[in-house]
């Protein structure tokens, strides 16, 4: 069984950043980028693969 690492992307306080790209006349693609921020206790820039801090709380399964 694979165990999840305690990284920012697995924390419920992490907010992923995205980029919107227009492709052609009517197609819009939204992609994750290698950036985000932590919302606890204030906004702090984080990478999804950063090692989780002491505020880590596992994300609820979706």
PDB file of N, CA and C in Angstrom:
ATOM      1  N   UNK A   1       0.850  -1.183   0.000  1.00  0.00           N
ATOM      2  CA  UNK A   1       0.000   0.000   0.000  1.00  0.00           C
ATOM      3  C   UNK A   1       0.895   1.246   0.000  1.00  0.00           C
ATOM      4  N   UNK A   2       0.574   2.179  -0.877  1.00  0.00           N
ATOM      5  CA  UNK A   2       1.367   3.405  -0.987  1.00  0.00           C
ATOM      6  C   UNK A   2       0.927   4.411   0.064  1.00  0.00           C
ATOM      7  N   UNK A   3       1.911   5.022   0.719  1.00  0.00           N
ATOM      8  CA  UNK A   3       1.627   5.993   1.765  1.00  0.00           C
ATOM      9  C   UNK A   3       1.841   7.401   1.228  1.00  0.00           C
ATOM     10  N   UNK A   4       0.910   8.299   1.511  1.00  0.00           N
ATOM     11  CA  UNK A   4       1.039   9.689   1.082  1.00  0.00           C
ATOM     12  C   UNK A   4       2.131  10.371   1.887  1.00  0.00           C
ATOM     13  N   UNK A   5       2.896  11.214   1.199  1.00  0.00           N
ATOM     14  CA  UNK A   5       3.900  12.008   1.895  1.00  0.00           C
ATOM     15  C   UNK A   5       3.231  13.247   2.458  1.00  0.00           C
ATOM     16  N   UNK A   6       3.794  13.756   3.543  1.00  0.00           N
ATOM     17  CA  UNK A   6       3.302  14.999   4.106  1.00  0.00           C
ATOM     18  C   UNK A   6       3.943  16.155   3.342  1.00  0.00           C
ATOM     19  N   UNK A   7       3.316  16.507   2.225  1.00  0.00           N
ATOM     20  CA  UNK A   7       3.756  17.636   1.411  1.00  0.00           C
ATOM     21  C   UNK A   7       2.624  18.651   1.354  1.00  0.00           C
ATOM     22  N   UNK A   8       2.957  19.833   0.937  1.00  0.00           N
ATOM     23  CA  UNK A   8       1.951  20.895   0.884  1.00  0.00           C
ATOM     24  C   UNK A   8       0.744  20.518   0.022  1.00  0.00           C
ATOM     25  N   UNK A   9       0.971  19.835  -1.101  1.00  0.00           N
ATOM     26  CA  UNK A   9      -0.155  19.500  -1.973  1.00  0.00           C
ATOM     27  C   UNK A   9      -1.155  18.563  -1.304  1.00  0.00           C
ATOM     28  N   UNK A  10      -0.772  17.878  -0.227  1.00  0.00           N
ATOM     29  CA  UNK A  10      -1.676  16.989   0.497  1.00  0.00           C
ATOM     30  C   UNK A  10      -2.280  17.637   1.737  1.00  0.00           C
ATOM     31  N   UNK A  11      -2.044  18.928   1.908  1.00  0.00           N
ATOM     32  CA  UNK A  11      -2.542  19.660   3.075  1.00  0.00           C
ATOM     33  C   UNK A  11      -3.805  20.440   2.720  1.00  0.00           C
ATOM     34  N   UNK A  12      -4.745  20.468   3.643  1.00  0.00           N
ATOM     35  CA  UNK A  12      -5.999  21.172   3.361  1.00  0.00           C
ATOM     36  C   UNK A  12      -5.847  22.691   3.333  1.00  0.00           C
ATOM     37  N   UNK A  13      -4.733  23.216   3.794  1.00  0.00           N
ATOM     38  CA  UNK A  13      -4.513  24.661   3.787  1.00  0.00           C
ATOM     39  C   UNK A  13      -3.830  25.153   2.501  1.00  0.00           C
ATOM     40  N   UNK A  14      -3.349  24.215   1.684  1.00  0.00           N
ATOM     41  CA  UNK A  14      -2.637  24.578   0.458  1.00  0.00           C
ATOM     42  C   UNK A  14      -3.627  24.934  -0.646  1.00  0.00           C
ATOM     43  N   UNK A  15      -3.368  26.051  -1.320  1.00  0.00           N
ATOM     44  CA  UNK A  15      -4.199  26.491  -2.446  1.00  0.00           C
ATOM     45  C   UNK A  15      -3.335  26.466  -3.705  1.00  0.00           C
ATOM     46  N   UNK A  16      -3.707  25.595  -4.625  1.00  0.00           N
ATOM     47  CA  UNK A  16      -2.977  25.416  -5.870  1.00  0.00           C
ATOM     48  C   UNK A  16      -3.186  26.625  -6.775  1.00  0.00           C
ATOM     49  N   UNK A  17      -2.153  27.029  -7.497  1.00  0.00           N
ATOM     50  CA  UNK A  17      -2.268  28.083  -8.494  1.00  0.00           C
ATOM     51  C   UNK A  17      -2.398  27.461  -9.881  1.00  0.00           C
ATOM     52  N   UNK A  18      -3.125  28.132 -10.747  1.00  0.00           N
ATOM     53  CA  UNK A  18      -3.403  27.649 -12.098  1.00  0.00           C
ATOM     54  C   UNK A  18      -3.092  28.739 -13.111  1.00  0.00           C
ATOM     55  N   UNK A  19      -2.985  28.326 -14.376  1.00  0.00           N
ATOM     56  CA  UNK A  19      -2.819  29.265 -15.469  1.00  0.00           C
ATOM     57  C   UNK A  19      -3.875  28.938 -16.520  1.00  0.00           C
ATOM     58  N   UNK A  20      -4.430  29.981 -17.110  1.00  0.00           N
ATOM     59  CA  UNK A  20      -5.440  29.801 -18.143  1.00  0.00           C
ATOM     60  C   UNK A  20      -4.809  30.116 -19.492  1.00  0.00           C
ATOM     61  N   UNK A  21      -4.897  29.167 -20.409  1.00  0.00           N
ATOM     62  CA  UNK A  21      -4.340  29.358 -21.744  1.00  0.00           C
ATOM     63  C   UNK A  21      -5.453  29.225 -22.771  1.00  0.00           C
ATOM     64  N   UNK A  22      -5.446  30.122 -23.728  1.00  0.00           N
ATOM     65  CA  UNK A  22      -6.413  30.025 -24.819  1.00  0.00           C
ATOM     66  C   UNK A  22      -5.758  29.290 -25.973  1.00  0.00           C
ATOM     67  N   UNK A  23      -6.464  28.306 -26.490  1.00  0.00           N
ATOM     68  CA  UNK A  23      -5.948  27.514 -27.590  1.00  0.00           C
ATOM     69  C   UNK A  23      -6.961  27.559 -28.724  1.00  0.00           C
ATOM     70  N   UNK A  24      -6.567  28.160 -29.822  1.00  0.00           N
ATOM     71  CA  UNK A  24      -7.498  28.289 -30.932  1.00  0.00           C
ATOM     72  C   UNK A  24      -8.517  29.375 -30.667  1.00  0.00           C
ATOM     73  N   UNK A  25      -9.645  29.273 -31.360  1.00  0.00           N
ATOM     74  CA  UNK A  25     -10.674  30.312 -31.254  1.00  0.00           C
ATOM     75  C   UNK A  25     -11.532  30.211 -29.996  1.00  0.00           C
ATOM     76  N   UNK A  26     -11.854  28.989 -29.580  1.00  0.00           N
ATOM     77  CA  UNK A  26     -12.809  28.885 -28.473  1.00  0.00           C
ATOM     78  C   UNK A  26     -12.389  27.921 -27.365  1.00  0.00           C
ATOM     79  N   UNK A  27     -11.219  27.347 -27.452  1.00  0.00           N
ATOM     80  CA  UNK A  27     -10.806  26.370 -26.453  1.00  0.00           C
ATOM     81  C   UNK A  27      -9.925  27.021 -25.392  1.00  0.00           C
ATOM     82  N   UNK A  28     -10.314  26.851 -24.131  1.00  0.00           N
ATOM     83  CA  UNK A  28      -9.546  27.390 -23.009  1.00  0.00           C
ATOM     84  C   UNK A  28      -9.074  26.208 -22.156  1.00  0.00           C
ATOM     85  N   UNK A  29      -7.792  26.190 -21.837  1.00  0.00           N
ATOM     86  CA  UNK A  29      -7.212  25.125 -21.034  1.00  0.00           C
ATOM     87  C   UNK A  29      -6.743  25.727 -19.709  1.00  0.00           C
ATOM     88  N   UNK A  30      -7.121  25.085 -18.616  1.00  0.00           N
ATOM     89  CA  UNK A  30      -6.674  25.517 -17.293  1.00  0.00           C
ATOM     90  C   UNK A  30      -5.732  24.438 -16.781  1.00  0.00           C
ATOM     91  N   UNK A  31      -4.486  24.848 -16.455  1.00  0.00           N
ATOM     92  CA  UNK A  31      -3.476  23.898 -16.015  1.00  0.00           C
ATOM     93  C   UNK A  31      -2.895  24.297 -14.673  1.00  0.00           C
ATOM     94  N   UNK A  32      -2.542  23.280 -13.870  1.00  0.00           N
ATOM     95  CA  UNK A  32      -1.826  23.527 -12.621  1.00  0.00           C
ATOM     96  C   UNK A  32      -0.425  24.011 -12.954  1.00  0.00           C
ATOM     97  N   UNK A  33       0.097  24.913 -12.128  1.00  0.00           N
ATOM     98  CA  UNK A  33       1.493  25.297 -12.245  1.00  0.00           C
ATOM     99  C   UNK A  33       2.193  24.879 -10.959  1.00  0.00           C
ATOM    100  N   UNK A  34       3.507  24.892 -10.970  1.00  0.00           N
ATOM    101  CA  UNK A  34       4.275  24.422  -9.818  1.00  0.00           C
ATOM    102  C   UNK A  34       4.398  25.549  -8.783  1.00  0.00           C
ATOM    103  N   UNK A  35       3.231  26.002  -8.314  1.00  0.00           N
ATOM    104  CA  UNK A  35       3.187  27.084  -7.338  1.00  0.00           C
ATOM    105  C   UNK A  35       1.845  27.055  -6.620  1.00  0.00           C
ATOM    106  N   UNK A  36       1.827  27.708  -5.476  1.00  0.00           N
ATOM    107  CA  UNK A  36       0.606  27.810  -4.703  1.00  0.00           C
ATOM    108  C   UNK A  36       0.872  28.651  -3.468  1.00  0.00           C
ATOM    109  N   UNK A  37      -0.057  28.603  -2.527  1.00  0.00           N
ATOM    110  CA  UNK A  37       0.159  29.311  -1.274  1.00  0.00           C
ATOM    111  C   UNK A  37      -0.549  28.590  -0.133  1.00  0.00           C
ATOM    112  N   UNK A  38      -0.081  28.883   1.071  1.00  0.00           N
ATOM    113  CA  UNK A  38      -0.664  28.335   2.288  1.00  0.00           C
ATOM    114  C   UNK A  38      -1.589  29.400   2.868  1.00  0.00           C
ATOM    115  N   UNK A  39      -2.763  28.978   3.263  1.00  0.00           N
ATOM    116  CA  UNK A  39      -3.742  29.929   3.792  1.00  0.00           C
ATOM    117  C   UNK A  39      -3.789  29.946   5.317  1.00  0.00           C
ATOM    118  N   UNK A  40      -2.876  29.250   5.972  1.00  0.00           N
ATOM    119  CA  UNK A  40      -2.899  29.236   7.445  1.00  0.00           C
ATOM    120  C   UNK A  40      -1.521  29.580   7.967  1.00  0.00           C
ATOM    121  N   UNK A  41      -1.351  30.526   8.778  1.00  0.00           N
ATOM    122  CA  UNK A  41      -2.329  31.489   9.270  1.00  0.00           C
ATOM    123  C   UNK A  41      -2.455  32.706   8.363  1.00  0.00           C
ATOM    124  N   UNK A  42      -1.538  32.848   7.417  1.00  0.00           N
ATOM    125  CA  UNK A  42      -1.599  33.957   6.476  1.00  0.00           C
ATOM    126  C   UNK A  42      -1.083  33.435   5.147  1.00  0.00           C
ATOM    127  N   UNK A  43      -1.157  34.232   4.127  1.00  0.00           N
ATOM    128  CA  UNK A  43      -0.696  33.787   2.814  1.00  0.00           C
ATOM    129  C   UNK A  43       0.822  33.676   2.779  1.00  0.00           C
ATOM    130  N   UNK A  44       1.301  32.503   2.408  1.00  0.00           N
ATOM    131  CA  UNK A  44       2.737  32.265   2.256  1.00  0.00           C
ATOM    132  C   UNK A  44       2.936  31.470   0.980  1.00  0.00           C
ATOM    133  N   UNK A  45       3.860  31.883   0.138  1.00  0.00           N
ATOM    134  CA  UNK A  45       4.144  31.171  -1.105  1.00  0.00           C
ATOM    135  C   UNK A  45       4.696  29.793  -0.791  1.00  0.00           C
ATOM    136  N   UNK A  46       4.181  28.784  -1.486  1.00  0.00           N
ATOM    137  CA  UNK A  46       4.620  27.410  -1.284  1.00  0.00           C
ATOM    138  C   UNK A  46       4.614  26.678  -2.617  1.00  0.00           C
ATOM    139  N   UNK A  47       5.411  25.650  -2.687  1.00  0.00           N
ATOM    140  CA  UNK A  47       5.410  24.740  -3.823  1.00  0.00           C
ATOM    141  C   UNK A  47       4.614  23.504  -3.418  1.00  0.00           C
ATOM    142  N   UNK A  48       3.905  22.867  -4.348  1.00  0.00           N
ATOM    143  CA  UNK A  48       3.139  21.670  -3.982  1.00  0.00           C
ATOM    144  C   UNK A  48       3.992  20.563  -3.379  1.00  0.00           C
ATOM    145  N   UNK A  49       5.270  20.494  -3.758  1.00  0.00           N
ATOM    146  CA  UNK A  49       6.132  19.419  -3.278  1.00  0.00           C
ATOM    147  C   UNK A  49       6.979  19.792  -2.072  1.00  0.00           C
ATOM    148  N   UNK A  50       6.761  20.983  -1.519  1.00  0.00           N
ATOM    149  CA  UNK A  50       7.470  21.368  -0.294  1.00  0.00           C
ATOM    150  C   UNK A  50       7.099  20.415   0.832  1.00  0.00           C
ATOM    151  N   UNK A  51       8.049  20.144   1.705  1.00  0.00           N
ATOM    152  CA  UNK A  51       7.778  19.329   2.890  1.00  0.00           C
ATOM    153  C   UNK A  51       6.807  20.093   3.782  1.00  0.00           C
ATOM    154  N   UNK A  52       5.809  19.400   4.264  1.00  0.00           N
ATOM    155  CA  UNK A  52       4.768  20.035   5.075  1.00  0.00           C
ATOM    156  C   UNK A  52       5.338  20.588   6.380  1.00  0.00           C
ATOM    157  N   UNK A  53       4.735  21.657   6.852  1.00  0.00           N
ATOM    158  CA  UNK A  53       5.161  22.286   8.104  1.00  0.00           C
ATOM    159  C   UNK A  53       4.338  21.734   9.270  1.00  0.00           C
ATOM    160  N   UNK A  54       4.535  22.320  10.426  1.00  0.00           N
ATOM    161  CA  UNK A  54       3.833  21.854  11.633  1.00  0.00           C
ATOM    162  C   UNK A  54       2.329  22.127  11.587  1.00  0.00           C
ATOM    163  N   UNK A  55       1.872  22.928  10.633  1.00  0.00           N
ATOM    164  CA  UNK A  55       0.436  23.226  10.509  1.00  0.00           C
ATOM    165  C   UNK A  55      -0.285  22.221   9.601  1.00  0.00           C
ATOM    166  N   UNK A  56       0.420  21.210   9.111  1.00  0.00           N
ATOM    167  CA  UNK A  56      -0.129  20.237   8.180  1.00  0.00           C
ATOM    168  C   UNK A  56      -1.376  19.562   8.734  1.00  0.00           C
ATOM    169  N   UNK A  57      -2.421  19.544   7.912  1.00  0.00           N
ATOM    170  CA  UNK A  57      -3.639  18.775   8.182  1.00  0.00           C
ATOM    171  C   UNK A  57      -4.017  18.108   6.873  1.00  0.00           C
ATOM    172  N   UNK A  58      -4.183  16.809   6.922  1.00  0.00           N
ATOM    173  CA  UNK A  58      -4.456  16.074   5.681  1.00  0.00           C
ATOM    174  C   UNK A  58      -5.746  16.534   5.020  1.00  0.00           C
ATOM    175  N   UNK A  59      -5.683  16.649   3.700  1.00  0.00           N
ATOM    176  CA  UNK A  59      -6.824  17.050   2.884  1.00  0.00           C
ATOM    177  C   UNK A  59      -7.908  15.983   2.976  1.00  0.00           C
ATOM    178  N   UNK A  60      -9.164  16.416   2.973  1.00  0.00           N
ATOM    179  CA  UNK A  60     -10.271  15.462   2.926  1.00  0.00           C
ATOM    180  C   UNK A  60     -10.278  14.794   1.554  1.00  0.00           C
ATOM    181  N   UNK A  61     -10.528  13.479   1.505  1.00  0.00           N
ATOM    182  CA  UNK A  61     -10.583  12.811   0.197  1.00  0.00           C
ATOM    183  C   UNK A  61     -11.736  13.366  -0.644  1.00  0.00           C
ATOM    184  N   UNK A  62     -11.476  13.502  -1.920  1.00  0.00           N
ATOM    185  CA  UNK A  62     -12.521  14.073  -2.801  1.00  0.00           C
ATOM    186  C   UNK A  62     -13.149  13.029  -3.651  1.00  0.00           C
TER     187      UNK A  62
END
